[in-house]
Amino acid sequence: MEEDVSRNRSGPIHVMLRLPLLIILTGTTTINNGVYGQIYEKLPAFLK
């Protein structure tokens, strides 16, 4: 994981770009607990 971060300097940039999308997704899925659970499990994948 650390190696990937050091290799891809654009990593943090992609995370910042995804933050607004994640906020919108989490806000929308908060209504749907089932969908929220699925996205919550995918969050670690985005962080990686």
PDB file of N, CA and C in Angstrom:
ATOM      1  N   MET A   1       0.841  -1.195   0.000  1.00  0.00           N
ATOM      2  CA  MET A   1       0.000   0.000   0.000  1.00  0.00           C
ATOM      3  C   MET A   1       0.877   1.246   0.000  1.00  0.00           C
ATOM      4  N   GLU A   2       1.869   1.280   0.874  1.00  0.00           N
ATOM      5  CA  GLU A   2       2.750   2.449   0.946  1.00  0.00           C
ATOM      6  C   GLU A   2       3.517   2.626  -0.364  1.00  0.00           C
ATOM      7  N   GLU A   3       3.926   1.506  -0.961  1.00  0.00           N
ATOM      8  CA  GLU A   3       4.665   1.579  -2.223  1.00  0.00           C
ATOM      9  C   GLU A   3       3.788   2.189  -3.314  1.00  0.00           C
ATOM     10  N   ASP A   4       2.514   1.795  -3.342  1.00  0.00           N
ATOM     11  CA  ASP A   4       1.602   2.326  -4.364  1.00  0.00           C
ATOM     12  C   ASP A   4       1.466   3.836  -4.204  1.00  0.00           C
ATOM     13  N   VAL A   5       1.375   4.301  -2.958  1.00  0.00           N
ATOM     14  CA  VAL A   5       1.223   5.741  -2.715  1.00  0.00           C
ATOM     15  C   VAL A   5       2.462   6.480  -3.191  1.00  0.00           C
ATOM     16  N   SER A   6       3.648   5.942  -2.893  1.00  0.00           N
ATOM     17  CA  SER A   6       4.891   6.607  -3.287  1.00  0.00           C
ATOM     18  C   SER A   6       5.054   6.572  -4.803  1.00  0.00           C
ATOM     19  N   ARG A   7       4.600   5.499  -5.423  1.00  0.00           N
ATOM     20  CA  ARG A   7       4.723   5.369  -6.879  1.00  0.00           C
ATOM     21  C   ARG A   7       3.786   6.345  -7.587  1.00  0.00           C
ATOM     22  N   ASN A   8       2.542   6.395  -7.122  1.00  0.00           N
ATOM     23  CA  ASN A   8       1.551   7.254  -7.776  1.00  0.00           C
ATOM     24  C   ASN A   8       1.374   8.543  -6.977  1.00  0.00           C
ATOM     25  N   ARG A   9       2.035   9.615  -7.429  1.00  0.00           N
ATOM     26  CA  ARG A   9       1.886  10.899  -6.743  1.00  0.00           C
ATOM     27  C   ARG A   9       0.481  11.450  -6.955  1.00  0.00           C
ATOM     28  N   SER A  10      -0.173  11.004  -8.027  1.00  0.00           N
ATOM     29  CA  SER A  10      -1.523  11.477  -8.328  1.00  0.00           C
ATOM     30  C   SER A  10      -2.550  10.809  -7.404  1.00  0.00           C
ATOM     31  N   GLY A  11      -2.096   9.862  -6.593  1.00  0.00           N
ATOM     32  CA  GLY A  11      -3.007   9.167  -5.687  1.00  0.00           C
ATOM     33  C   GLY A  11      -3.821  10.131  -4.841  1.00  0.00           C
ATOM     34  N   PRO A  12      -3.158  10.990  -4.042  1.00  0.00           N
ATOM     35  CA  PRO A  12      -3.884  11.953  -3.197  1.00  0.00           C
ATOM     36  C   PRO A  12      -4.839  12.816  -4.020  1.00  0.00           C
ATOM     37  N   ILE A  13      -4.422  13.184  -5.233  1.00  0.00           N
ATOM     38  CA  ILE A  13      -5.275  14.019  -6.087  1.00  0.00           C
ATOM     39  C   ILE A  13      -6.548  13.262  -6.436  1.00  0.00           C
ATOM     40  N   HIS A  14      -6.396  11.993  -6.820  1.00  0.00           N
ATOM     41  CA  HIS A  14      -7.576  11.194  -7.167  1.00  0.00           C
ATOM     42  C   HIS A  14      -8.486  11.065  -5.946  1.00  0.00           C
ATOM     43  N   VAL A  15      -7.893  10.899  -4.770  1.00  0.00           N
ATOM     44  CA  VAL A  15      -8.702  10.776  -3.544  1.00  0.00           C
ATOM     45  C   VAL A  15      -9.488  12.055  -3.318  1.00  0.00           C
ATOM     46  N   MET A  16      -8.826  13.212  -3.497  1.00  0.00           N
ATOM     47  CA  MET A  16      -9.499  14.501  -3.301  1.00  0.00           C
ATOM     48  C   MET A  16     -10.641  14.657  -4.300  1.00  0.00           C
ATOM     49  N   LEU A  17     -10.408  14.210  -5.528  1.00  0.00           N
ATOM     50  CA  LEU A  17     -11.455  14.314  -6.555  1.00  0.00           C
ATOM     51  C   LEU A  17     -12.612  13.379  -6.226  1.00  0.00           C
ATOM     52  N   ARG A  18     -12.299  12.268  -5.590  1.00  0.00           N
ATOM     53  CA  ARG A  18     -13.346  11.288  -5.270  1.00  0.00           C
ATOM     54  C   ARG A  18     -14.105  11.665  -4.010  1.00  0.00           C
ATOM     55  N   LEU A  19     -13.497  12.469  -3.133  1.00  0.00           N
ATOM     56  CA  LEU A  19     -14.160  12.837  -1.878  1.00  0.00           C
ATOM     57  C   LEU A  19     -15.557  13.401  -2.112  1.00  0.00           C
ATOM     58  N   PRO A  20     -15.702  14.427  -2.982  1.00  0.00           N
ATOM     59  CA  PRO A  20     -17.051  14.968  -3.237  1.00  0.00           C
ATOM     60  C   PRO A  20     -18.012  13.885  -3.718  1.00  0.00           C
ATOM     61  N   LEU A  21     -17.523  13.002  -4.580  1.00  0.00           N
ATOM     62  CA  LEU A  21     -18.376  11.921  -5.090  1.00  0.00           C
ATOM     63  C   LEU A  21     -18.771  10.986  -3.952  1.00  0.00           C
ATOM     64  N   LEU A  22     -17.804  10.667  -3.087  1.00  0.00           N
ATOM     65  CA  LEU A  22     -18.099   9.770  -1.964  1.00  0.00           C
ATOM     66  C   LEU A  22     -19.109  10.422  -1.031  1.00  0.00           C
ATOM     67  N   ILE A  23     -18.948  11.741  -0.800  1.00  0.00           N
ATOM     68  CA  ILE A  23     -19.879  12.455   0.083  1.00  0.00           C
ATOM     69  C   ILE A  23     -21.287  12.390  -0.495  1.00  0.00           C
ATOM     70  N   ILE A  24     -21.389  12.611  -1.813  1.00  0.00           N
ATOM     71  CA  ILE A  24     -22.703  12.564  -2.466  1.00  0.00           C
ATOM     72  C   ILE A  24     -23.264  11.149  -2.384  1.00  0.00           C
ATOM     73  N   LEU A  25     -22.405  10.158  -2.658  1.00  0.00           N
ATOM     74  CA  LEU A  25     -22.855   8.761  -2.623  1.00  0.00           C
ATOM     75  C   LEU A  25     -23.303   8.386  -1.217  1.00  0.00           C
ATOM     76  N   THR A  26     -22.490   8.731  -0.227  1.00  0.00           N
ATOM     77  CA  THR A  26     -22.834   8.371   1.152  1.00  0.00           C
ATOM     78  C   THR A  26     -24.107   9.091   1.576  1.00  0.00           C
ATOM     79  N   GLY A  27     -24.248  10.361   1.181  1.00  0.00           N
ATOM     80  CA  GLY A  27     -25.450  11.120   1.536  1.00  0.00           C
ATOM     81  C   GLY A  27     -26.687  10.493   0.912  1.00  0.00           C
ATOM     82  N   THR A  28     -26.572  10.102  -0.353  1.00  0.00           N
ATOM     83  CA  THR A  28     -27.716   9.502  -1.048  1.00  0.00           C
ATOM     84  C   THR A  28     -28.018   8.118  -0.498  1.00  0.00           C
ATOM     85  N   THR A  29     -26.973   7.361  -0.221  1.00  0.00           N
ATOM     86  CA  THR A  29     -27.167   5.982   0.226  1.00  0.00           C
ATOM     87  C   THR A  29     -27.546   5.913   1.696  1.00  0.00           C
ATOM     88  N   THR A  30     -27.388   7.034   2.414  1.00  0.00           N
ATOM     89  CA  THR A  30     -27.799   7.035   3.817  1.00  0.00           C
ATOM     90  C   THR A  30     -29.271   6.656   3.914  1.00  0.00           C
ATOM     91  N   ILE A  31     -30.042   7.048   2.888  1.00  0.00           N
ATOM     92  CA  ILE A  31     -31.465   6.692   2.860  1.00  0.00           C
ATOM     93  C   ILE A  31     -31.603   5.184   2.686  1.00  0.00           C
ATOM     94  N   ASN A  32     -30.731   4.620   1.858  1.00  0.00           N
ATOM     95  CA  ASN A  32     -30.780   3.172   1.614  1.00  0.00           C
ATOM     96  C   ASN A  32     -29.675   2.492   2.418  1.00  0.00           C
ATOM     97  N   ASN A  33     -30.033   1.940   3.574  1.00  0.00           N
ATOM     98  CA  ASN A  33     -29.028   1.315   4.441  1.00  0.00           C
ATOM     99  C   ASN A  33     -28.335   0.162   3.728  1.00  0.00           C
ATOM    100  N   GLY A  34     -29.077  -0.620   2.952  1.00  0.00           N
ATOM    101  CA  GLY A  34     -28.491  -1.765   2.252  1.00  0.00           C
ATOM    102  C   GLY A  34     -27.403  -1.312   1.294  1.00  0.00           C
ATOM    103  N   VAL A  35     -27.714  -0.300   0.478  1.00  0.00           N
ATOM    104  CA  VAL A  35     -26.734   0.196  -0.493  1.00  0.00           C
ATOM    105  C   VAL A  35     -25.569   0.841   0.245  1.00  0.00           C
ATOM    106  N   TYR A  36     -25.871   1.548   1.333  1.00  0.00           N
ATOM    107  CA  TYR A  36     -24.822   2.202   2.109  1.00  0.00           C
ATOM    108  C   TYR A  36     -23.817   1.176   2.610  1.00  0.00           C
ATOM    109  N   GLY A  37     -24.307   0.026   3.029  1.00  0.00           N
ATOM    110  CA  GLY A  37     -23.416  -1.031   3.515  1.00  0.00           C
ATOM    111  C   GLY A  37     -22.482  -1.506   2.416  1.00  0.00           C
ATOM    112  N   GLN A  38     -23.013  -1.630   1.197  1.00  0.00           N
ATOM    113  CA  GLN A  38     -22.186  -2.100   0.086  1.00  0.00           C
ATOM    114  C   GLN A  38     -21.099  -1.083  -0.230  1.00  0.00           C
ATOM    115  N   ILE A  39     -21.449   0.199  -0.261  1.00  0.00           N
ATOM    116  CA  ILE A  39     -20.453   1.238  -0.574  1.00  0.00           C
ATOM    117  C   ILE A  39     -19.433   1.324   0.566  1.00  0.00           C
ATOM    118  N   TYR A  40     -19.916   1.170   1.803  1.00  0.00           N
ATOM    119  CA  TYR A  40     -19.010   1.239   2.951  1.00  0.00           C
ATOM    120  C   TYR A  40     -17.928   0.172   2.832  1.00  0.00           C
ATOM    121  N   GLU A  41     -18.302  -1.003   2.331  1.00  0.00           N
ATOM    122  CA  GLU A  41     -17.328  -2.082   2.153  1.00  0.00           C
ATOM    123  C   GLU A  41     -16.354  -1.736   1.038  1.00  0.00           C
ATOM    124  N   LYS A  42     -16.783  -0.923   0.072  1.00  0.00           N
ATOM    125  CA  LYS A  42     -15.924  -0.564  -1.056  1.00  0.00           C
ATOM    126  C   LYS A  42     -15.002   0.599  -0.696  1.00  0.00           C
ATOM    127  N   LEU A  43     -15.307   1.324   0.375  1.00  0.00           N
ATOM    128  CA  LEU A  43     -14.495   2.486   0.759  1.00  0.00           C
ATOM    129  C   LEU A  43     -13.016   2.136   0.877  1.00  0.00           C
ATOM    130  N   PRO A  44     -12.646   1.040   1.578  1.00  0.00           N
ATOM    131  CA  PRO A  44     -11.223   0.681   1.679  1.00  0.00           C
ATOM    132  C   PRO A  44     -10.570   0.548   0.310  1.00  0.00           C
ATOM    133  N   ALA A  45     -11.305   0.056  -0.674  1.00  0.00           N
ATOM    134  CA  ALA A  45     -10.751  -0.105  -2.023  1.00  0.00           C
ATOM    135  C   ALA A  45     -10.378   1.264  -2.588  1.00  0.00           C
ATOM    136  N   PHE A  46     -11.242   2.275  -2.360  1.00  0.00           N
ATOM    137  CA  PHE A  46     -10.950   3.622  -2.860  1.00  0.00           C
ATOM    138  C   PHE A  46      -9.731   4.190  -2.142  1.00  0.00           C
ATOM    139  N   LEU A  47      -9.656   3.955  -0.839  1.00  0.00           N
ATOM    140  CA  LEU A  47      -8.529   4.484  -0.062  1.00  0.00           C
ATOM    141  C   LEU A  47      -7.227   3.853  -0.524  1.00  0.00           C
ATOM    142  N   LYS A  48      -7.270   2.592  -0.942  1.00  0.00           N
ATOM    143  CA  LYS A  48      -6.070   1.915  -1.431  1.00  0.00           C
ATOM    144  C   LYS A  48      -5.656   2.548  -2.745  1.00  0.00           C
TER     145      LYS A  48
END
